[in-house]
Protein backbone atom coordinates (compact mmCIF):
# COMPACT_ATOMS: atom_id res chain seq x y z
CA MET A 1 -51.43 -16.75 -60.63
CA ILE A 2 -50.30 -15.70 -57.20
CA GLN A 3 -48.88 -12.36 -56.11
CA ILE A 4 -45.38 -12.06 -54.67
CA THR A 5 -43.37 -9.00 -53.67
CA ASP A 6 -39.74 -8.73 -54.77
CA LEU A 7 -36.98 -7.47 -52.49
CA GLN A 8 -37.42 -3.90 -53.79
CA GLY A 9 -41.13 -3.92 -52.90
CA LYS A 10 -42.49 -4.34 -56.43
CA GLU A 11 -45.44 -6.72 -56.83
CA HIS A 12 -45.31 -9.52 -59.40
CA TYR A 13 -47.62 -12.35 -60.35
CA VAL A 14 -46.24 -15.86 -60.77
CA ASN A 15 -47.93 -18.83 -62.38
CA ALA A 16 -48.59 -21.10 -59.41
CA ASP A 17 -48.61 -24.17 -61.65
CA LEU A 18 -44.98 -23.57 -62.65
CA ILE A 19 -43.57 -23.38 -59.11
CA GLU A 20 -41.16 -26.24 -58.54
CA LEU A 21 -39.46 -25.15 -55.33
CA VAL A 22 -39.72 -22.44 -52.68
CA GLU A 23 -36.75 -22.10 -50.36
CA SER A 24 -35.32 -19.69 -47.81
CA THR A 25 -31.60 -19.00 -48.28
CA PRO A 26 -32.14 -16.60 -46.20
CA ASP A 27 -34.14 -14.66 -48.83
CA THR A 28 -37.11 -16.56 -50.19
CA GLN A 29 -36.48 -17.94 -53.66
CA VAL A 30 -39.28 -19.17 -55.90
CA VAL A 31 -37.85 -21.54 -58.51
CA LEU A 32 -40.01 -22.28 -61.55
CA THR A 33 -39.96 -25.39 -63.71
CA ASN A 34 -38.32 -23.38 -66.52
CA GLY A 35 -35.37 -22.55 -64.24
CA HIS A 36 -36.30 -18.92 -63.56
CA ARG A 37 -35.75 -17.74 -60.00
CA HIS A 38 -37.71 -15.01 -58.27
CA PHE A 39 -36.74 -13.55 -54.90
CA ALA A 40 -39.64 -12.63 -52.63
CA ARG A 41 -40.24 -10.84 -49.34
CA GLU A 42 -42.89 -13.40 -48.36
CA THR A 43 -41.92 -16.49 -46.42
CA PRO A 44 -42.06 -19.92 -48.06
CA ALA A 45 -45.06 -20.73 -45.84
CA ASP A 46 -46.90 -17.59 -47.07
CA ILE A 47 -46.26 -18.55 -50.69
CA ALA A 48 -47.44 -22.12 -50.06
CA ASP A 49 -50.63 -20.75 -48.47
CA ARG A 50 -51.25 -18.56 -51.53
CA VAL A 51 -50.75 -21.50 -53.88
CA LEU A 52 -53.18 -23.61 -51.85
CA ALA A 53 -55.75 -20.79 -51.81
CA TYR A 54 -55.36 -20.35 -55.58
CA ARG A 55 -55.87 -24.05 -56.22
CA ARG A 56 -58.88 -24.22 -53.90
CA ALA A 57 -60.44 -21.29 -55.74
CA CYS A 58 -59.85 -23.03 -59.08
CA LEU A 59 -61.28 -26.35 -57.96
CA HIS A 60 -64.14 -25.04 -55.83
CA PRO A 61 -65.43 -21.74 -57.21
CA PRO A 62 -67.97 -19.87 -55.09
CA ASN A 63 -71.42 -21.38 -55.25
CA LEU A 64 -73.58 -19.55 -57.71
CA SER A 65 -77.29 -20.09 -57.60
CA PRO A 66 -78.50 -21.93 -60.69
CA PRO A 67 -80.72 -19.99 -63.07
CA THR A 68 -84.39 -20.40 -62.41
CA PRO A 69 -86.38 -21.94 -65.24
CA GLN A 70 -88.63 -19.48 -67.02
CA ALA A 71 -92.29 -20.20 -67.33
CA ALA A 72 -93.58 -20.69 -70.87
CA ASP A 73 -95.60 -17.44 -70.71
CA GLU A 74 -92.49 -15.38 -69.69
CA ARG A 75 -90.55 -16.25 -72.84
């Protein structure tokens, strides 16, 4: 999910996987695959950057150190 701000200043979250089209007419419209349209204050480039950041975070989560094996006497 990515955050967008509507024209009244209210924040919404949109499923980034359902975004079909983002256009500026002159207001930014986010069109979903189900036909729903959301108007946003952000530019199309800002929304594209958020989608890319979301997908990067999904595909490459932060590196977590692997658990260290416990010695037999610690169990």
